[in-house]
Amino acid sequence: MSLRRVNVAILVLLAVAFLIIVQRNLLNLNDFLRSENPDAVPGMILPFESEFSPELRPDLVRTGEKIPVVITAAEERLGAVVAAMNSVYQNSKANIVFNIVTMNDTVDHLKVWMTKTQLNNVRHKIIIFEPQLLNGKITKNPQKLDSVKPLTFARFYMPVFIPDAEKAIYLDDDIIVQGDIQELFDTSLKSGHAAAFSDDCDSASAKGIVRGAGNQNNYIGFLDFKKEAIKKLGMRANTCSFNPGVIVANLTEWKRQNITNQLEHWMELNAQEDLYSKTLAESITTPPLLIVFYKHHSSIDPMWHVRHLGATGAGNRYSPQFVKAAKLLHWNGHYKPWSRTSSFTEVWDKWYIQDPMRKFHPVRKHAGDK
């Protein structure tokens, strides 16, 4: 055998050995990740990469019990999450830690906003959501696919994002908090309950039922009760629904009951059998939550979730005095407070921080507009 052939054979053997070592290291890394996340579902893609905020100045560090707040940050709505976080932080002295779930292409913009403005003293963790986690769990219908936003499902994975937390708050981005978030965090959950929501039939929000979007203050507005899988559950169609834009979660109980697994099951079944109501607007995360938490959730004080400010006629539905007294305002609905036609935009403007990159621009009426 020539010297050249010997060298080639040695190189091939070295390459094979290198590949074997790489494979073993990857397997060891996977084992390590699972040991760090013991509650991860077998076979589950770990849906994030995390990056913590820089160390704060000692005089800016808040002490006491940590309050984990999970919130999502979509690029086209980045100004919304900034205003929401600013309102939460400025209205409380609590030790708040924001867990900001976003997509990879939004991270750089978000970092600039968090470091180049007054938010630089806010403790936070940036979590990158991987959309492939939703493969097989959302519809492939091209007519419905445009309304599916991956980040809206982030609330289903709270225990994976913050595995060491026993309790957490989830907030939609189109909210403003006017009370002390500590009060919401201290919401008492009944024994065996993994979450608390604000019911759609409560006194504050019953005035704001969405018109023209089905009967969306009870279960029949979200689920198709003609489907066999829904019939078998024995749920009452007129049961009052709840809004998952604000959640107080007992994550210990959430993990014990495998809530994430249950939610994924109903997402997959809907992708196969189309179980959601035909009158459903854009609340595609609500139906699986309604099923899993049917008559098994605690309640949030209605003043901690005053909603439908984004619906038509919200300015006539709520008085300025009532809006001022509310602890948390939610612009769910078509009209957002950073757009031209929303009600009570002046409340949102108070907490908005200008984009240092000048990409996000709230739309406002000018003197000549009608």
Protein backbone atom coordinates (compact mmCIF):
# COMPACT_ATOMS: atom_id res chain seq x y z
CA MET A 1 0.00 0.00 0.00
CA SER A 2 1.40 3.39 -0.99
CA LEU A 3 2.12 6.11 1.57
CA ARG A 4 -0.61 8.29 0.02
CA ARG A 5 -3.26 5.58 0.53
CA VAL A 6 -2.16 5.14 4.15
CA ASN A 7 -2.56 8.88 4.75
CA VAL A 8 -6.03 8.87 3.19
CA ALA A 9 -7.08 5.91 5.34
CA ILE A 10 -5.79 7.66 8.47
CA LEU A 11 -7.70 10.84 7.56
CA VAL A 12 -10.92 8.83 7.05
CA LEU A 13 -10.50 7.13 10.42
CA LEU A 14 -9.85 10.48 12.11
CA ALA A 15 -12.96 11.96 10.48
CA VAL A 16 -15.10 9.01 11.67
CA ALA A 17 -13.68 9.32 15.19
CA PHE A 18 -14.42 13.07 15.17
CA LEU A 19 -18.04 12.48 14.12
CA ILE A 20 -18.49 9.88 16.87
CA ILE A 21 -17.16 12.34 19.46
CA VAL A 22 -19.47 15.11 18.19
CA GLN A 23 -22.48 12.77 18.32
CA ARG A 24 -21.68 11.73 21.91
CA ASN A 25 -21.23 15.36 22.96
CA LEU A 26 -24.59 16.28 21.47
CA LEU A 27 -26.25 13.41 23.30
CA ASN A 28 -24.59 14.49 26.54
CA LEU A 29 -25.75 18.07 25.93
CA ASN A 30 -29.30 16.85 25.40
CA ASP A 31 -29.13 14.88 28.67
CA PHE A 32 -27.79 17.95 30.42
CA LEU A 33 -30.61 20.15 29.11
CA ARG A 34 -33.16 17.62 30.28
CA SER A 35 -31.55 17.41 33.69
CA GLU A 36 -31.74 21.21 33.89
CA ASN A 37 -35.40 21.06 32.81
CA PRO A 38 -36.76 17.90 34.52
CA ASP A 39 -40.34 18.93 33.81
CA ALA A 40 -39.82 19.06 30.05
CA VAL A 41 -42.07 16.71 28.16
CA PRO A 42 -40.23 13.67 26.69
CA GLY A 43 -39.52 14.41 23.04
CA MET A 44 -40.31 18.12 23.45
CA ILE A 45 -38.17 20.69 21.67
CA LEU A 46 -36.89 23.05 24.32
CA PRO A 47 -38.55 26.15 22.88
CA PHE A 48 -36.08 28.83 23.85
CA GLU A 49 -32.67 30.27 24.27
CA SER A 50 -32.30 32.68 27.18
CA GLU A 51 -30.25 35.78 27.80
CA PHE A 52 -30.30 37.65 31.11
CA SER A 53 -30.17 41.40 31.50
CA PRO A 54 -26.84 42.98 32.51
CA GLU A 55 -26.09 43.47 36.19
CA LEU A 56 -27.93 46.45 37.64
CA ARG A 57 -26.34 49.18 39.71
CA PRO A 58 -26.56 48.19 43.41
CA ASP A 59 -28.76 51.20 44.22
CA LEU A 60 -31.27 50.12 41.55
CA VAL A 61 -31.60 46.51 42.64
CA ARG A 62 -34.99 45.66 44.13
CA THR A 63 -35.13 43.08 46.89
CA GLY A 64 -37.76 40.77 48.27
CA GLU A 65 -39.75 37.98 46.65
CA LYS A 66 -39.30 37.82 42.90
CA ILE A 67 -42.39 38.37 40.78
CA PRO A 68 -41.89 36.63 37.42
CA VAL A 69 -43.89 38.30 34.64
CA VAL A 70 -44.10 36.57 31.24
CA ILE A 71 -44.87 38.80 28.26
CA THR A 72 -44.36 38.42 24.50
CA ALA A 73 -42.63 40.85 22.16
CA ALA A 74 -43.54 40.72 18.47
CA GLU A 75 -41.50 43.02 16.21
CA GLU A 76 -44.54 44.86 14.82
CA ARG A 77 -45.88 45.42 18.37
CA LEU A 78 -42.63 46.10 20.20
CA GLY A 79 -43.78 49.51 21.37
CA ALA A 80 -46.73 47.81 23.06
CA VAL A 81 -44.63 45.55 25.26
CA VAL A 82 -42.37 48.47 26.17
CA ALA A 83 -45.34 50.55 27.35
CA ALA A 84 -46.79 47.57 29.23
CA MET A 85 -43.53 46.82 31.06
CA ASN A 86 -42.95 50.46 31.87
CA SER A 87 -46.41 50.74 33.44
CA VAL A 88 -45.88 47.58 35.49
CA TYR A 89 -42.46 48.64 36.73
CA GLN A 90 -43.23 52.29 37.53
CA ASN A 91 -46.37 51.45 39.52
CA SER A 92 -44.67 49.01 41.88
CA LYS A 93 -41.68 48.72 44.19
CA ALA A 94 -41.74 44.92 43.93
CA ASN A 95 -38.83 42.80 42.70
CA ILE A 96 -40.19 42.26 39.20
CA VAL A 97 -38.39 40.07 36.65
CA PHE A 98 -39.73 40.29 33.11
CA ASN A 99 -39.41 37.15 31.00
CA ILE A 100 -39.74 38.55 27.48
CA VAL A 101 -40.57 35.90 24.88
CA THR A 102 -39.69 36.95 21.36
CA MET A 103 -38.49 35.74 17.97
CA ASN A 104 -34.85 35.65 16.94
CA ASP A 105 -35.15 38.53 14.44
CA THR A 106 -36.53 40.88 17.13
CA VAL A 107 -33.81 40.40 19.76
CA ASP A 108 -31.45 43.17 18.60
CA HIS A 109 -34.21 45.79 18.40
CA LEU A 110 -35.53 44.75 21.81
CA LYS A 111 -32.06 44.95 23.38
CA VAL A 112 -31.59 48.51 22.16
CA TRP A 113 -34.95 49.54 23.65
CA MET A 114 -34.10 47.87 26.95
CA THR A 115 -30.59 49.32 27.27
CA LYS A 116 -30.81 52.78 25.69
CA THR A 117 -33.90 54.01 27.58
CA GLN A 118 -35.09 54.22 31.19
CA LEU A 119 -35.84 50.47 30.96
CA ASN A 120 -32.13 49.82 31.46
CA ASN A 121 -32.74 49.47 35.20
CA VAL A 122 -35.41 46.79 34.70
CA ARG A 123 -34.44 43.21 35.47
CA HIS A 124 -35.37 40.94 32.57
CA LYS A 125 -34.62 37.79 30.62
CA ILE A 126 -35.00 37.55 26.84
CA ILE A 127 -36.34 34.20 25.67
CA ILE A 128 -36.24 33.19 22.00
CA PHE A 129 -39.28 31.17 20.98
CA GLU A 130 -38.84 28.43 18.38
CA PRO A 131 -41.92 28.21 16.09
CA GLN A 132 -41.20 24.58 15.15
CA LEU A 133 -42.49 23.71 18.61
CA LEU A 134 -45.95 24.23 17.11
CA ASN A 135 -45.52 21.78 14.23
CA GLY A 136 -48.62 19.60 14.02
CA LYS A 137 -50.42 21.71 16.62
CA ILE A 138 -51.85 24.50 14.49
CA THR A 139 -54.02 24.51 11.40
CA LYS A 140 -52.54 24.20 7.92
CA ASN A 141 -55.60 25.86 6.40
CA PRO A 142 -54.12 28.73 4.33
CA GLN A 143 -57.21 30.87 4.99
CA LYS A 144 -56.61 30.69 8.74
CA LEU A 145 -52.81 30.50 8.80
CA ASP A 146 -52.30 34.26 8.51
CA SER A 147 -54.07 34.82 11.85
CA VAL A 148 -51.82 32.32 13.64
CA LYS A 149 -49.07 34.13 15.52
CA PRO A 150 -46.59 31.72 17.16
CA LEU A 151 -45.89 33.99 20.15
CA THR A 152 -49.54 33.91 21.21
CA PHE A 153 -48.97 30.31 22.36
CA ALA A 154 -46.04 31.26 24.61
CA ARG A 155 -48.33 31.37 27.66
CA PHE A 156 -48.78 27.59 27.33
CA TYR A 157 -45.08 27.06 28.06
CA MET A 158 -44.51 29.21 31.14
CA PRO A 159 -43.05 26.38 33.28
CA VAL A 160 -40.51 25.66 30.55
CA PHE A 161 -39.41 29.28 30.32
CA ILE A 162 -39.06 29.76 34.07
CA PRO A 163 -38.57 26.24 35.51
CA ASP A 164 -37.58 27.45 38.99
CA ALA A 165 -40.63 29.67 39.52
CA GLU A 166 -43.52 28.43 41.63
CA LYS A 167 -45.88 31.21 40.62
CA ALA A 168 -45.97 33.70 37.73
CA ILE A 169 -48.07 36.27 35.92
CA TYR A 170 -48.70 36.24 32.18
CA LEU A 171 -49.68 39.51 30.47
CA ASP A 172 -50.72 40.26 26.89
CA ASP A 173 -48.77 43.11 25.33
CA ASP A 174 -51.81 45.37 24.74
CA ILE A 175 -52.28 46.16 28.43
CA ILE A 176 -51.44 48.98 30.80
CA VAL A 177 -51.10 48.38 34.53
CA GLN A 178 -52.18 51.18 36.87
CA GLY A 179 -52.03 49.28 40.15
CA ASP A 180 -49.24 47.57 42.09
CA ILE A 181 -48.51 44.24 40.36
CA GLN A 182 -47.76 42.77 43.80
CA GLU A 183 -51.50 42.85 44.46
CA LEU A 184 -52.23 40.79 41.34
CA PHE A 185 -49.40 38.38 42.16
CA ASP A 186 -50.91 37.86 45.61
CA THR A 187 -54.18 36.61 44.07
CA SER A 188 -55.21 33.53 46.05
CA LEU A 189 -55.68 30.38 44.01
CA LYS A 190 -57.89 27.59 45.30
CA SER A 191 -56.33 24.26 46.19
CA GLY A 192 -55.71 22.20 43.05
CA HIS A 193 -56.09 25.17 40.70
CA ALA A 194 -53.19 25.85 38.32
CA ALA A 195 -54.40 29.26 37.13
CA ALA A 196 -56.65 32.22 37.78
CA PHE A 197 -58.44 34.20 35.07
CA SER A 198 -61.00 36.98 34.87
CA ASP A 199 -64.40 35.63 33.81
CA ASP A 200 -66.17 37.25 30.86
CA CYS A 201 -69.40 37.55 32.84
CA ASP A 202 -67.91 39.66 35.63
CA SER A 203 -69.39 43.09 36.31
CA ALA A 204 -66.56 45.14 34.83
CA SER A 205 -66.25 43.39 31.48
CA ALA A 206 -69.80 42.18 30.81
CA LYS A 207 -70.43 45.69 29.48
CA GLY A 208 -67.82 45.08 26.82
CA ILE A 209 -69.02 41.96 25.02
CA VAL A 210 -67.59 41.89 21.52
CA ARG A 211 -70.28 42.65 18.98
CA GLY A 212 -70.37 40.83 15.67
CA ALA A 213 -67.87 38.17 16.71
CA GLY A 214 -70.21 35.49 17.99
CA ASN A 215 -71.45 35.04 21.50
CA GLN A 216 -67.97 35.34 22.95
CA ASN A 217 -68.77 35.58 26.61
CA ASN A 218 -69.53 31.87 26.89
CA TYR A 219 -68.14 28.57 25.65
CA ILE A 220 -70.31 28.24 22.53
CA GLY A 221 -68.60 31.33 21.13
CA PHE A 222 -65.27 29.49 21.11
CA LEU A 223 -66.00 25.78 20.58
CA ASP A 224 -68.06 23.79 18.08
CA PHE A 225 -70.45 21.81 20.26
CA LYS A 226 -71.56 19.75 17.24
CA LYS A 227 -68.18 18.01 17.14
CA GLU A 228 -68.06 14.62 18.86
CA ALA A 229 -64.82 15.33 20.73
CA ILE A 230 -66.43 18.39 22.33
CA LYS A 231 -69.73 16.60 23.04
CA LYS A 232 -67.90 13.85 24.95
CA LEU A 233 -66.52 16.39 27.43
CA GLY A 234 -70.00 17.10 28.80
CA MET A 235 -69.38 20.84 29.08
CA ARG A 236 -72.29 23.26 29.16
CA ALA A 237 -72.29 25.53 26.12
CA ASN A 238 -73.58 28.52 28.08
CA THR A 239 -70.76 28.34 30.65
CA CYS A 240 -69.15 31.74 31.11
CA SER A 241 -65.80 31.95 29.32
CA PHE A 242 -62.68 33.72 30.54
CA ASN A 243 -60.05 35.89 28.91
CA PRO A 244 -56.45 34.52 28.99
CA GLY A 245 -54.81 37.90 28.37
CA VAL A 246 -54.01 38.05 32.09
CA ILE A 247 -53.11 34.86 33.95
CA VAL A 248 -51.94 34.26 37.50
CA ALA A 249 -50.40 30.78 37.39
CA ASN A 250 -49.44 28.31 40.08
CA LEU A 251 -46.62 26.71 38.09
CA THR A 252 -46.06 23.93 40.60
CA GLU A 253 -49.65 22.81 40.11
CA TRP A 254 -49.39 23.46 36.37
CA LYS A 255 -46.51 21.01 36.11
CA ARG A 256 -48.14 18.47 38.43
CA GLN A 257 -51.22 18.37 36.23
CA ASN A 258 -49.23 18.40 32.97
CA ILE A 259 -51.25 21.38 31.77
CA THR A 260 -48.90 22.06 28.84
CA ASN A 261 -49.36 18.47 27.62
CA GLN A 262 -53.12 18.79 27.87
CA LEU A 263 -53.16 22.07 25.93
CA GLU A 264 -50.97 20.59 23.20
CA HIS A 265 -53.32 17.61 22.93
CA TRP A 266 -56.29 19.86 22.17
CA MET A 267 -54.25 21.96 19.75
CA GLU A 268 -53.30 18.82 17.82
CA LEU A 269 -56.87 17.51 17.85
CA ASN A 270 -58.20 20.82 16.57
CA ALA A 271 -55.63 20.79 13.75
CA GLN A 272 -57.08 17.43 12.74
CA GLU A 273 -60.81 17.90 13.45
CA ASP A 274 -61.44 21.69 13.46
CA LEU A 275 -63.03 21.87 16.91
CA TYR A 276 -63.18 25.63 17.33
CA SER A 277 -66.28 27.71 16.72
CA LYS A 278 -66.78 29.10 13.22
CA THR A 279 -67.58 32.50 14.81
CA LEU A 280 -64.22 32.60 16.59
CA ALA A 281 -62.46 35.91 16.03
CA GLU A 282 -58.69 35.82 16.66
CA SER A 283 -58.67 34.21 20.10
CA ILE A 284 -57.14 30.96 18.90
CA THR A 285 -55.37 30.36 22.21
CA THR A 286 -58.59 30.57 24.21
CA PRO A 287 -60.41 27.33 23.19
CA PRO A 288 -57.82 24.83 24.51
CA LEU A 289 -57.55 26.82 27.74
CA LEU A 290 -61.34 26.78 28.15
CA ILE A 291 -61.35 22.99 27.79
CA VAL A 292 -58.44 22.28 30.12
CA PHE A 293 -59.59 24.74 32.80
CA TYR A 294 -63.33 24.06 32.56
CA LYS A 295 -64.75 24.80 36.01
CA HIS A 296 -61.29 24.30 37.44
CA HIS A 297 -59.73 27.75 37.75
CA SER A 298 -59.70 30.58 40.26
CA SER A 299 -60.83 34.16 39.64
CA ILE A 300 -58.98 37.43 39.27
CA ASP A 301 -60.42 40.63 40.71
CA PRO A 302 -62.39 42.20 37.77
CA MET A 303 -60.63 45.53 38.29
CA TRP A 304 -57.37 43.74 37.54
CA HIS A 305 -58.58 42.95 34.05
CA VAL A 306 -60.82 45.62 32.56
CA ARG A 307 -60.95 44.70 28.90
CA HIS A 308 -62.57 45.34 25.50
CA LEU A 309 -60.96 48.78 25.30
CA GLY A 310 -60.06 47.78 21.75
CA ALA A 311 -63.67 47.11 20.76
CA THR A 312 -65.99 49.45 18.88
CA GLY A 313 -67.62 51.97 21.21
CA ALA A 314 -65.28 51.41 24.16
CA GLY A 315 -65.12 55.17 24.68
CA ASN A 316 -68.86 55.20 25.35
CA ARG A 317 -68.88 52.00 27.36
CA TYR A 318 -66.44 53.10 30.05
CA SER A 319 -66.30 56.47 31.74
CA PRO A 320 -62.95 58.25 32.20
CA GLN A 321 -63.41 57.90 35.97
CA PHE A 322 -63.85 54.13 35.69
CA VAL A 323 -60.82 53.78 33.44
CA LYS A 324 -58.74 55.80 35.88
CA ALA A 325 -59.81 53.55 38.77
CA ALA A 326 -59.03 50.30 36.93
CA LYS A 327 -55.91 48.42 38.06
CA LEU A 328 -55.24 46.90 34.62
CA LEU A 329 -56.57 47.97 31.22
CA HIS A 330 -56.67 45.62 28.23
CA TRP A 331 -57.17 46.83 24.65
CA ASN A 332 -58.23 43.44 23.32
CA GLY A 333 -60.17 43.81 20.12
CA HIS A 334 -59.43 45.29 16.73
CA TYR A 335 -58.39 48.80 17.82
CA LYS A 336 -55.07 49.12 19.61
CA PRO A 337 -53.87 52.12 21.67
CA TRP A 338 -50.95 52.74 19.34
CA SER A 339 -53.34 53.13 16.39
CA ARG A 340 -55.35 56.12 15.23
CA THR A 341 -58.88 54.91 16.10
CA SER A 342 -58.52 53.46 19.60
CA SER A 343 -60.20 54.77 22.75
CA PHE A 344 -58.23 56.07 25.75
CA THR A 345 -54.96 56.36 23.83
CA GLU A 346 -53.88 59.13 26.22
CA VAL A 347 -53.65 56.54 29.01
CA TRP A 348 -51.34 54.37 26.91
CA ASP A 349 -49.27 57.35 25.73
CA LYS A 350 -48.34 58.12 29.33
CA TRP A 351 -46.29 54.92 29.52
CA TYR A 352 -44.92 54.64 26.00
CA ILE A 353 -41.17 55.17 25.56
CA GLN A 354 -39.92 56.43 22.20
CA ASP A 355 -38.12 53.87 20.06
CA PRO A 356 -34.39 54.76 20.05
CA MET A 357 -34.13 53.07 16.62
CA ARG A 358 -37.13 55.07 15.31
CA LYS A 359 -38.80 52.02 13.79
CA PHE A 360 -42.00 51.96 15.86
CA HIS A 361 -44.32 54.93 15.47
CA PRO A 362 -47.70 55.19 17.21
CA VAL A 363 -50.33 56.56 14.82
CA ARG A 364 -52.10 59.66 16.12
CA LYS A 365 -54.76 62.00 14.76
CA HIS A 366 -53.61 65.43 13.69
CA ALA A 367 -55.54 68.65 14.00
CA GLY A 368 -56.74 68.49 10.38
CA ASP A 369 -57.96 64.85 10.59
CA LYS A 370 -61.66 64.14 10.73
